[in-house]
Amino acid sequence: MSPLTKGIGVLFGLPAILAVVFFTYFNATGADRMKAVCSQVKAGMTRAQLNTFVIEKRLDGVIADSGVSILGDAKSYGRHSCKVTVAAGVVTAVEYILAD
């Protein structure tokens, strides 16, 4: 194998292997990670408190004043998420969901 072939293999092969490893790891650990995050959201939190929490935890999603909001984990591409129900600007229910 020539040095050029080895270099091309490392240049393209290594990032592809690392991408697969990271994708697999974050999806494998996503359920436990998001269940822990969902357990930190408590009924009675205000929309402002929840918004601060979302920013701190780097979650994806938009929080509505009332209704259901899905707060996803960017590391698992939203597959593992929290379903947050808000009524009149206050959290009433939180549930972990798996988007399969």
PDB file of N, CA and C in Angstrom:
ATOM      1  N   MET A   1       0.849  -1.163   0.000  1.00  0.00           N
ATOM      2  CA  MET A   1       0.000   0.000   0.000  1.00  0.00           C
ATOM      3  C   MET A   1       0.909   1.245   0.000  1.00  0.00           C
ATOM      4  N   SER A   2       0.624   2.138  -0.892  1.00  0.00           N
ATOM      5  CA  SER A   2       1.468   3.329  -1.029  1.00  0.00           C
ATOM      6  C   SER A   2       1.144   4.343   0.079  1.00  0.00           C
ATOM      7  N   PRO A   3       2.081   5.255   0.353  1.00  0.00           N
ATOM      8  CA  PRO A   3       1.818   6.284   1.364  1.00  0.00           C
ATOM      9  C   PRO A   3       0.606   7.154   1.019  1.00  0.00           C
ATOM     10  N   LEU A   4       0.376   7.394  -0.273  1.00  0.00           N
ATOM     11  CA  LEU A   4      -0.784   8.187  -0.690  1.00  0.00           C
ATOM     12  C   LEU A   4      -2.084   7.467  -0.348  1.00  0.00           C
ATOM     13  N   THR A   5      -2.112   6.177  -0.602  1.00  0.00           N
ATOM     14  CA  THR A   5      -3.302   5.380  -0.297  1.00  0.00           C
ATOM     15  C   THR A   5      -3.563   5.350   1.211  1.00  0.00           C
ATOM     16  N   LYS A   6      -2.491   5.190   1.987  1.00  0.00           N
ATOM     17  CA  LYS A   6      -2.635   5.196   3.446  1.00  0.00           C
ATOM     18  C   LYS A   6      -3.150   6.556   3.930  1.00  0.00           C
ATOM     19  N   GLY A   7      -2.593   7.610   3.378  1.00  0.00           N
ATOM     20  CA  GLY A   7      -3.007   8.951   3.774  1.00  0.00           C
ATOM     21  C   GLY A   7      -4.464   9.213   3.454  1.00  0.00           C
ATOM     22  N   ILE A   8      -4.912   8.806   2.285  1.00  0.00           N
ATOM     23  CA  ILE A   8      -6.318   8.977   1.895  1.00  0.00           C
ATOM     24  C   ILE A   8      -7.221   8.130   2.786  1.00  0.00           C
ATOM     25  N   GLY A   9      -6.769   6.923   3.091  1.00  0.00           N
ATOM     26  CA  GLY A   9      -7.546   6.057   3.981  1.00  0.00           C
ATOM     27  C   GLY A   9      -7.723   6.663   5.354  1.00  0.00           C
ATOM     28  N   VAL A  10      -6.644   7.239   5.891  1.00  0.00           N
ATOM     29  CA  VAL A  10      -6.725   7.881   7.208  1.00  0.00           C
ATOM     30  C   VAL A  10      -7.570   9.150   7.133  1.00  0.00           C
ATOM     31  N   LEU A  11      -7.390   9.925   6.073  1.00  0.00           N
ATOM     32  CA  LEU A  11      -8.101  11.191   5.916  1.00  0.00           C
ATOM     33  C   LEU A  11      -9.613  11.008   5.857  1.00  0.00           C
ATOM     34  N   PHE A  12     -10.062   9.980   5.167  1.00  0.00           N
ATOM     35  CA  PHE A  12     -11.502   9.763   5.004  1.00  0.00           C
ATOM     36  C   PHE A  12     -12.043   8.659   5.913  1.00  0.00           C
ATOM     37  N   GLY A  13     -11.253   7.652   6.183  1.00  0.00           N
ATOM     38  CA  GLY A  13     -11.723   6.516   6.973  1.00  0.00           C
ATOM     39  C   GLY A  13     -11.867   6.818   8.448  1.00  0.00           C
ATOM     40  N   LEU A  14     -10.873   7.499   9.010  1.00  0.00           N
ATOM     41  CA  LEU A  14     -10.907   7.787  10.436  1.00  0.00           C
ATOM     42  C   LEU A  14     -12.089   8.666  10.832  1.00  0.00           C
ATOM     43  N   PRO A  15     -12.376   9.764  10.126  1.00  0.00           N
ATOM     44  CA  PRO A  15     -13.568  10.549  10.489  1.00  0.00           C
ATOM     45  C   PRO A  15     -14.867   9.759  10.355  1.00  0.00           C
ATOM     46  N   ALA A  16     -14.952   8.894   9.357  1.00  0.00           N
ATOM     47  CA  ALA A  16     -16.164   8.089   9.190  1.00  0.00           C
ATOM     48  C   ALA A  16     -16.336   7.120  10.356  1.00  0.00           C
ATOM     49  N   ILE A  17     -15.254   6.498  10.781  1.00  0.00           N
ATOM     50  CA  ILE A  17     -15.317   5.572  11.912  1.00  0.00           C
ATOM     51  C   ILE A  17     -15.681   6.320  13.191  1.00  0.00           C
ATOM     52  N   LEU A  18     -15.065   7.470  13.410  1.00  0.00           N
ATOM     53  CA  LEU A  18     -15.383   8.268  14.599  1.00  0.00           C
ATOM     54  C   LEU A  18     -16.841   8.732  14.594  1.00  0.00           C
ATOM     55  N   ALA A  19     -17.368   9.098  13.445  1.00  0.00           N
ATOM     56  CA  ALA A  19     -18.765   9.525  13.350  1.00  0.00           C
ATOM     57  C   ALA A  19     -19.699   8.384  13.752  1.00  0.00           C
ATOM     58  N   VAL A  20     -19.413   7.185  13.291  1.00  0.00           N
ATOM     59  CA  VAL A  20     -20.242   6.028  13.638  1.00  0.00           C
ATOM     60  C   VAL A  20     -20.159   5.742  15.134  1.00  0.00           C
ATOM     61  N   VAL A  21     -18.960   5.835  15.699  1.00  0.00           N
ATOM     62  CA  VAL A  21     -18.780   5.585  17.134  1.00  0.00           C
ATOM     63  C   VAL A  21     -19.553   6.612  17.963  1.00  0.00           C
ATOM     64  N   PHE A  22     -19.413   7.895  17.644  1.00  0.00           N
ATOM     65  CA  PHE A  22     -20.118   8.926  18.396  1.00  0.00           C
ATOM     66  C   PHE A  22     -21.628   8.793  18.241  1.00  0.00           C
ATOM     67  N   PHE A  23     -22.110   8.553  17.036  1.00  0.00           N
ATOM     68  CA  PHE A  23     -23.543   8.395  16.813  1.00  0.00           C
ATOM     69  C   PHE A  23     -24.087   7.230  17.637  1.00  0.00           C
ATOM     70  N   THR A  24     -23.387   6.111  17.620  1.00  0.00           N
ATOM     71  CA  THR A  24     -23.817   4.933  18.369  1.00  0.00           C
ATOM     72  C   THR A  24     -23.790   5.200  19.870  1.00  0.00           C
ATOM     73  N   TYR A  25     -22.728   5.826  20.347  1.00  0.00           N
ATOM     74  CA  TYR A  25     -22.603   6.108  21.785  1.00  0.00           C
ATOM     75  C   TYR A  25     -23.721   7.025  22.274  1.00  0.00           C
ATOM     76  N   PHE A  26     -23.960   8.138  21.570  1.00  0.00           N
ATOM     77  CA  PHE A  26     -24.966   9.088  22.027  1.00  0.00           C
ATOM     78  C   PHE A  26     -26.376   8.515  21.936  1.00  0.00           C
ATOM     79  N   ASN A  27     -26.635   7.639  21.000  1.00  0.00           N
ATOM     80  CA  ASN A  27     -27.943   6.999  20.951  1.00  0.00           C
ATOM     81  C   ASN A  27     -28.082   5.922  22.017  1.00  0.00           C
ATOM     82  N   ALA A  28     -26.997   5.220  22.313  1.00  0.00           N
ATOM     83  CA  ALA A  28     -27.051   4.166  23.328  1.00  0.00           C
ATOM     84  C   ALA A  28     -27.227   4.748  24.726  1.00  0.00           C
ATOM     85  N   THR A  29     -26.653   5.907  24.978  1.00  0.00           N
ATOM     86  CA  THR A  29     -26.750   6.519  26.312  1.00  0.00           C
ATOM     87  C   THR A  29     -27.852   7.574  26.397  1.00  0.00           C
ATOM     88  N   GLY A  30     -28.542   7.809  25.306  1.00  0.00           N
ATOM     89  CA  GLY A  30     -29.550   8.873  25.253  1.00  0.00           C
ATOM     90  C   GLY A  30     -30.719   8.662  26.187  1.00  0.00           C
ATOM     91  N   ALA A  31     -31.181   7.431  26.323  1.00  0.00           N
ATOM     92  CA  ALA A  31     -32.348   7.173  27.177  1.00  0.00           C
ATOM     93  C   ALA A  31     -32.052   7.538  28.624  1.00  0.00           C
ATOM     94  N   ASP A  32     -30.948   7.054  29.161  1.00  0.00           N
ATOM     95  CA  ASP A  32     -30.602   7.362  30.550  1.00  0.00           C
ATOM     96  C   ASP A  32     -30.365   8.854  30.746  1.00  0.00           C
ATOM     97  N   ARG A  33     -29.696   9.483  29.781  1.00  0.00           N
ATOM     98  CA  ARG A  33     -29.390  10.903  29.877  1.00  0.00           C
ATOM     99  C   ARG A  33     -30.678  11.738  29.893  1.00  0.00           C
ATOM    100  N   MET A  34     -31.599  11.437  28.989  1.00  0.00           N
ATOM    101  CA  MET A  34     -32.829  12.228  28.912  1.00  0.00           C
ATOM    102  C   MET A  34     -33.798  11.910  30.044  1.00  0.00           C
ATOM    103  N   LYS A  35     -33.801  10.692  30.540  1.00  0.00           N
ATOM    104  CA  LYS A  35     -34.643  10.382  31.703  1.00  0.00           C
ATOM    105  C   LYS A  35     -34.175  11.185  32.905  1.00  0.00           C
ATOM    106  N   ALA A  36     -32.869  11.351  33.037  1.00  0.00           N
ATOM    107  CA  ALA A  36     -32.325  12.165  34.126  1.00  0.00           C
ATOM    108  C   ALA A  36     -32.707  13.629  33.944  1.00  0.00           C
ATOM    109  N   VAL A  37     -32.645  14.116  32.714  1.00  0.00           N
ATOM    110  CA  VAL A  37     -33.016  15.503  32.434  1.00  0.00           C
ATOM    111  C   VAL A  37     -34.504  15.709  32.678  1.00  0.00           C
ATOM    112  N   CYS A  38     -35.330  14.788  32.208  1.00  0.00           N
ATOM    113  CA  CYS A  38     -36.781  14.913  32.397  1.00  0.00           C
ATOM    114  C   CYS A  38     -37.157  14.892  33.878  1.00  0.00           C
ATOM    115  N   SER A  39     -36.417  14.130  34.675  1.00  0.00           N
ATOM    116  CA  SER A  39     -36.732  14.066  36.102  1.00  0.00           C
ATOM    117  C   SER A  39     -36.417  15.378  36.812  1.00  0.00           C
ATOM    118  N   GLN A  40     -35.585  16.222  36.209  1.00  0.00           N
ATOM    119  CA  GLN A  40     -35.249  17.514  36.819  1.00  0.00           C
ATOM    120  C   GLN A  40     -36.311  18.574  36.543  1.00  0.00           C
ATOM    121  N   VAL A  41     -37.155  18.340  35.533  1.00  0.00           N
ATOM    122  CA  VAL A  41     -38.250  19.270  35.239  1.00  0.00           C
ATOM    123  C   VAL A  41     -39.415  18.880  36.147  1.00  0.00           C
ATOM    124  N   LYS A  42     -39.833  19.802  36.965  1.00  0.00           N
ATOM    125  CA  LYS A  42     -40.877  19.512  37.954  1.00  0.00           C
ATOM    126  C   LYS A  42     -42.157  20.260  37.632  1.00  0.00           C
ATOM    127  N   ALA A  43     -43.273  19.638  37.958  1.00  0.00           N
ATOM    128  CA  ALA A  43     -44.562  20.314  37.824  1.00  0.00           C
ATOM    129  C   ALA A  43     -44.555  21.539  38.730  1.00  0.00           C
ATOM    130  N   GLY A  44     -45.058  22.644  38.219  1.00  0.00           N
ATOM    131  CA  GLY A  44     -45.076  23.884  38.970  1.00  0.00           C
ATOM    132  C   GLY A  44     -44.008  24.874  38.528  1.00  0.00           C
ATOM    133  N   MET A  45     -43.045  24.405  37.702  1.00  0.00           N
ATOM    134  CA  MET A  45     -42.035  25.326  37.168  1.00  0.00           C
ATOM    135  C   MET A  45     -42.714  26.324  36.237  1.00  0.00           C
ATOM    136  N   THR A  46     -42.265  27.557  36.265  1.00  0.00           N
ATOM    137  CA  THR A  46     -42.815  28.557  35.354  1.00  0.00           C
ATOM    138  C   THR A  46     -42.155  28.405  33.984  1.00  0.00           C
ATOM    139  N   ARG A  47     -42.755  29.034  33.006  1.00  0.00           N
ATOM    140  CA  ARG A  47     -42.213  28.994  31.648  1.00  0.00           C
ATOM    141  C   ARG A  47     -40.814  29.607  31.615  1.00  0.00           C
ATOM    142  N   ALA A  48     -40.590  30.675  32.373  1.00  0.00           N
ATOM    143  CA  ALA A  48     -39.279  31.323  32.420  1.00  0.00           C
ATOM    144  C   ALA A  48     -38.230  30.395  33.030  1.00  0.00           C
ATOM    145  N   GLN A  49     -38.589  29.696  34.100  1.00  0.00           N
ATOM    146  CA  GLN A  49     -37.664  28.740  34.718  1.00  0.00           C
ATOM    147  C   GLN A  49     -37.350  27.596  33.751  1.00  0.00           C
ATOM    148  N   LEU A  50     -38.373  27.133  33.062  1.00  0.00           N
ATOM    149  CA  LEU A  50     -38.180  26.056  32.102  1.00  0.00           C
ATOM    150  C   LEU A  50     -37.309  26.525  30.941  1.00  0.00           C
ATOM    151  N   ASN A  51     -37.510  27.730  30.492  1.00  0.00           N
ATOM    152  CA  ASN A  51     -36.697  28.269  29.401  1.00  0.00           C
ATOM    153  C   ASN A  51     -35.224  28.355  29.815  1.00  0.00           C
ATOM    154  N   THR A  52     -34.954  28.792  31.030  1.00  0.00           N
ATOM    155  CA  THR A  52     -33.586  28.841  31.545  1.00  0.00           C
ATOM    156  C   THR A  52     -32.995  27.438  31.619  1.00  0.00           C
ATOM    157  N   PHE A  53     -33.791  26.485  32.064  1.00  0.00           N
ATOM    158  CA  PHE A  53     -33.359  25.088  32.149  1.00  0.00           C
ATOM    159  C   PHE A  53     -33.000  24.548  30.768  1.00  0.00           C
ATOM    160  N   VAL A  54     -33.827  24.842  29.779  1.00  0.00           N
ATOM    161  CA  VAL A  54     -33.590  24.378  28.410  1.00  0.00           C
ATOM    162  C   VAL A  54     -32.282  24.944  27.866  1.00  0.00           C
ATOM    163  N   ILE A  55     -32.022  26.209  28.146  1.00  0.00           N
ATOM    164  CA  ILE A  55     -30.778  26.830  27.683  1.00  0.00           C
ATOM    165  C   ILE A  55     -29.571  26.206  28.378  1.00  0.00           C
ATOM    166  N   GLU A  56     -29.671  25.978  29.686  1.00  0.00           N
ATOM    167  CA  GLU A  56     -28.567  25.377  30.446  1.00  0.00           C
ATOM    168  C   GLU A  56     -28.254  23.967  29.965  1.00  0.00           C
ATOM    169  N   LYS A  57     -29.283  23.192  29.681  1.00  0.00           N
ATOM    170  CA  LYS A  57     -29.104  21.794  29.266  1.00  0.00           C
ATOM    171  C   LYS A  57     -28.913  21.633  27.755  1.00  0.00           C
ATOM    172  N   ARG A  58     -28.999  22.745  27.025  1.00  0.00           N
ATOM    173  CA  ARG A  58     -28.824  22.756  25.561  1.00  0.00           C
ATOM    174  C   ARG A  58     -29.801  21.803  24.864  1.00  0.00           C
ATOM    175  N   LEU A  59     -31.055  21.935  25.215  1.00  0.00           N
ATOM    176  CA  LEU A  59     -32.097  21.118  24.613  1.00  0.00           C
ATOM    177  C   LEU A  59     -32.680  21.845  23.410  1.00  0.00           C
ATOM    178  N   ASP A  60     -33.219  21.073  22.478  1.00  0.00           N
ATOM    179  CA  ASP A  60     -33.897  21.638  21.319  1.00  0.00           C
ATOM    180  C   ASP A  60     -35.388  21.675  21.583  1.00  0.00           C
ATOM    181  N   GLY A  61     -36.041  22.710  21.108  1.00  0.00           N
ATOM    182  CA  GLY A  61     -37.486  22.804  21.237  1.00  0.00           C
ATOM    183  C   GLY A  61     -37.923  24.190  21.635  1.00  0.00           C
ATOM    184  N   VAL A  62     -39.185  24.457  21.367  1.00  0.00           N
ATOM    185  CA  VAL A  62     -39.784  25.739  21.703  1.00  0.00           C
ATOM    186  C   VAL A  62     -40.843  25.492  22.763  1.00  0.00           C
ATOM    187  N   ILE A  63     -40.840  26.325  23.789  1.00  0.00           N
ATOM    188  CA  ILE A  63     -41.777  26.158  24.890  1.00  0.00           C
ATOM    189  C   ILE A  63     -42.968  27.085  24.665  1.00  0.00           C
ATOM    190  N   ALA A  64     -44.138  26.504  24.600  1.00  0.00           N
ATOM    191  CA  ALA A  64     -45.366  27.273  24.405  1.00  0.00           C
ATOM    192  C   ALA A  64     -45.908  27.730  25.753  1.00  0.00           C
ATOM    193  N   ASP A  65     -46.744  28.794  25.738  1.00  0.00           N
ATOM    194  CA  ASP A  65     -47.378  29.263  26.968  1.00  0.00           C
ATOM    195  C   ASP A  65     -48.388  28.247  27.499  1.00  0.00           C
ATOM    196  N   SER A  66     -49.002  27.519  26.585  1.00  0.00           N
ATOM    197  CA  SER A  66     -49.892  26.441  26.988  1.00  0.00           C
ATOM    198  C   SER A  66     -49.887  25.389  25.887  1.00  0.00           C
ATOM    199  N   GLY A  67     -50.039  24.156  26.304  1.00  0.00           N
ATOM    200  CA  GLY A  67     -50.006  23.046  25.355  1.00  0.00           C
ATOM    201  C   GLY A  67     -48.808  22.147  25.606  1.00  0.00           C
ATOM    202  N   VAL A  68     -48.498  21.342  24.604  1.00  0.00           N
ATOM    203  CA  VAL A  68     -47.428  20.362  24.717  1.00  0.00           C
ATOM    204  C   VAL A  68     -46.198  20.853  23.958  1.00  0.00           C
ATOM    205  N   SER A  69     -45.053  20.738  24.603  1.00  0.00           N
ATOM    206  CA  SER A  69     -43.776  21.067  23.976  1.00  0.00           C
ATOM    207  C   SER A  69     -42.884  19.839  24.046  1.00  0.00           C
ATOM    208  N   ILE A  70     -42.141  19.595  22.983  1.00  0.00           N
ATOM    209  CA  ILE A  70     -41.200  18.483  22.939  1.00  0.00           C
ATOM    210  C   ILE A  70     -39.799  19.072  23.036  1.00  0.00           C
ATOM    211  N   LEU A  71     -39.074  18.675  24.068  1.00  0.00           N
ATOM    212  CA  LEU A  71     -37.709  19.138  24.270  1.00  0.00           C
ATOM    213  C   LEU A  71     -36.771  17.984  23.953  1.00  0.00           C
ATOM    214  N   GLY A  72     -36.082  18.095  22.842  1.00  0.00           N
ATOM    215  CA  GLY A  72     -35.243  17.005  22.365  1.00  0.00           C
ATOM    216  C   GLY A  72     -33.784  17.177  22.709  1.00  0.00           C
ATOM    217  N   ASP A  73     -33.090  16.067  22.679  1.00  0.00           N
ATOM    218  CA  ASP A  73     -31.654  16.030  22.915  1.00  0.00           C
ATOM    219  C   ASP A  73     -30.948  16.094  21.565  1.00  0.00           C
ATOM    220  N   ALA A  74     -30.181  17.137  21.347  1.00  0.00           N
ATOM    221  CA  ALA A  74     -29.495  17.311  20.062  1.00  0.00           C
ATOM    222  C   ALA A  74     -28.464  16.212  19.821  1.00  0.00           C
ATOM    223  N   LYS A  75     -27.895  15.659  20.876  1.00  0.00           N
ATOM    224  CA  LYS A  75     -26.867  14.625  20.721  1.00  0.00           C
ATOM    225  C   LYS A  75     -27.436  13.346  20.128  1.00  0.00           C
ATOM    226  N   SER A  76     -28.710  13.085  20.347  1.00  0.00           N
ATOM    227  CA  SER A  76     -29.333  11.889  19.771  1.00  0.00           C
ATOM    228  C   SER A  76     -30.321  12.279  18.673  1.00  0.00           C
ATOM    229  N   TYR A  77     -30.159  13.492  18.149  1.00  0.00           N
ATOM    230  CA  TYR A  77     -30.973  13.987  17.035  1.00  0.00           C
ATOM    231  C   TYR A  77     -32.466  13.981  17.350  1.00  0.00           C
ATOM    232  N   GLY A  78     -32.809  14.260  18.602  1.00  0.00           N
ATOM    233  CA  GLY A  78     -34.209  14.362  19.006  1.00  0.00           C
ATOM    234  C   GLY A  78     -34.899  13.032  19.228  1.00  0.00           C
ATOM    235  N   ARG A  79     -34.177  11.940  19.115  1.00  0.00           N
ATOM    236  CA  ARG A  79     -34.789  10.628  19.308  1.00  0.00           C
ATOM    237  C   ARG A  79     -35.258  10.454  20.750  1.00  0.00           C
ATOM    238  N   HIS A  80     -34.463  10.920  21.683  1.00  0.00           N
ATOM    239  CA  HIS A  80     -34.811  10.866  23.099  1.00  0.00           C
ATOM    240  C   HIS A  80     -35.246  12.269  23.508  1.00  0.00           C
ATOM    241  N   SER A  81     -36.460  12.382  24.041  1.00  0.00           N
ATOM    242  CA  SER A  81     -37.027  13.704  24.308  1.00  0.00           C
ATOM    243  C   SER A  81     -37.871  13.707  25.574  1.00  0.00           C
ATOM    244  N   CYS A  82     -38.194  14.928  26.006  1.00  0.00           N
ATOM    245  CA  CYS A  82     -39.133  15.137  27.105  1.00  0.00           C
ATOM    246  C   CYS A  82     -40.383  15.788  26.541  1.00  0.00           C
ATOM    247  N   LYS A  83     -41.516  15.238  26.884  1.00  0.00           N
ATOM    248  CA  LYS A  83     -42.799  15.837  26.510  1.00  0.00           C
ATOM    249  C   LYS A  83     -43.264  16.640  27.721  1.00  0.00           C
ATOM    250  N   VAL A  84     -43.299  17.963  27.559  1.00  0.00           N
ATOM    251  CA  VAL A  84     -43.646  18.860  28.665  1.00  0.00           C
ATOM    252  C   VAL A  84     -44.995  19.502  28.365  1.00  0.00           C
ATOM    253  N   THR A  85     -45.934  19.348  29.290  1.00  0.00           N
ATOM    254  CA  THR A  85     -47.243  19.965  29.154  1.00  0.00           C
ATOM    255  C   THR A  85     -47.278  21.218  30.020  1.00  0.00           C
ATOM    256  N   VAL A  86     -47.631  22.339  29.371  1.00  0.00           N
ATOM    257  CA  VAL A  86     -47.676  23.633  30.054  1.00  0.00           C
ATOM    258  C   VAL A  86     -49.092  24.182  29.958  1.00  0.00           C
ATOM    259  N   ALA A  87     -49.604  24.671  31.082  1.00  0.00           N
ATOM    260  CA  ALA A  87     -50.926  25.311  31.114  1.00  0.00           C
ATOM    261  C   ALA A  87     -50.780  26.645  31.830  1.00  0.00           C
ATOM    262  N   ALA A  88     -51.184  27.702  31.155  1.00  0.00           N
ATOM    263  CA  ALA A  88     -51.129  29.063  31.705  1.00  0.00           C
ATOM    264  C   ALA A  88     -49.726  29.437  32.166  1.00  0.00           C
ATOM    265  N   GLY A  89     -48.705  28.997  31.416  1.00  0.00           N
ATOM    266  CA  GLY A  89     -47.331  29.362  31.731  1.00  0.00           C
ATOM    267  C   GLY A  89     -46.692  28.566  32.852  1.00  0.00           C
ATOM    268  N   VAL A  90     -47.330  27.465  33.293  1.00  0.00           N
ATOM    269  CA  VAL A  90     -46.807  26.633  34.374  1.00  0.00           C
ATOM    270  C   VAL A  90     -46.773  25.170  33.910  1.00  0.00           C
ATOM    271  N   VAL A  91     -45.692  24.474  34.207  1.00  0.00           N
ATOM    272  CA  VAL A  91     -45.553  23.061  33.844  1.00  0.00           C
ATOM    273  C   VAL A  91     -46.535  22.233  34.670  1.00  0.00           C
ATOM    274  N   THR A  92     -47.314  21.404  33.963  1.00  0.00           N
ATOM    275  CA  THR A  92     -48.265  20.538  34.666  1.00  0.00           C
ATOM    276  C   THR A  92     -47.860  19.065  34.612  1.00  0.00           C
ATOM    277  N   ALA A  93     -47.134  18.662  33.552  1.00  0.00           N
ATOM    278  CA  ALA A  93     -46.717  17.252  33.430  1.00  0.00           C
ATOM    279  C   ALA A  93     -45.461  17.151  32.590  1.00  0.00           C
ATOM    280  N   VAL A  94     -44.646  16.147  32.897  1.00  0.00           N
ATOM    281  CA  VAL A  94     -43.425  15.878  32.150  1.00  0.00           C
ATOM    282  C   VAL A  94     -43.335  14.375  31.931  1.00  0.00           C
ATOM    283  N   GLU A  95     -42.944  13.994  30.722  1.00  0.00           N
ATOM    284  CA  GLU A  95     -42.860  12.567  30.396  1.00  0.00           C
ATOM    285  C   GLU A  95     -41.710  12.359  29.417  1.00  0.00           C
ATOM    286  N   TYR A  96     -40.912  11.303  29.631  1.00  0.00           N
ATOM    287  CA  TYR A  96     -39.867  10.918  28.694  1.00  0.00           C
ATOM    288  C   TYR A  96     -40.511  10.205  27.513  1.00  0.00           C
ATOM    289  N   ILE A  97     -40.104  10.543  26.299  1.00  0.00           N
ATOM    290  CA  ILE A  97     -40.617   9.835  25.125  1.00  0.00           C
ATOM    291  C   ILE A  97     -39.457   9.441  24.218  1.00  0.00           C
ATOM    292  N   LEU A  98     -39.664   8.336  23.529  1.00  0.00           N
ATOM    293  CA  LEU A  98     -38.686   7.829  22.572  1.00  0.00           C
ATOM    294  C   LEU A  98     -39.326   7.911  21.201  1.00  0.00           C
ATOM    295  N   ALA A  99     -38.725   8.644  20.303  1.00  0.00           N
ATOM    296  CA  ALA A  99     -39.273   8.821  18.953  1.00  0.00           C
ATOM    297  C   ALA A  99     -38.757   7.711  18.050  1.00  0.00           C
ATOM    298  N   ASP A 100     -39.509   6.653  17.968  1.00  0.00           N
ATOM    299  CA  ASP A 100     -39.153   5.537  17.067  1.00  0.00           C
ATOM    300  C   ASP A 100     -40.184   5.402  15.991  1.00  0.00           C
TER     301      ASP A 100
END
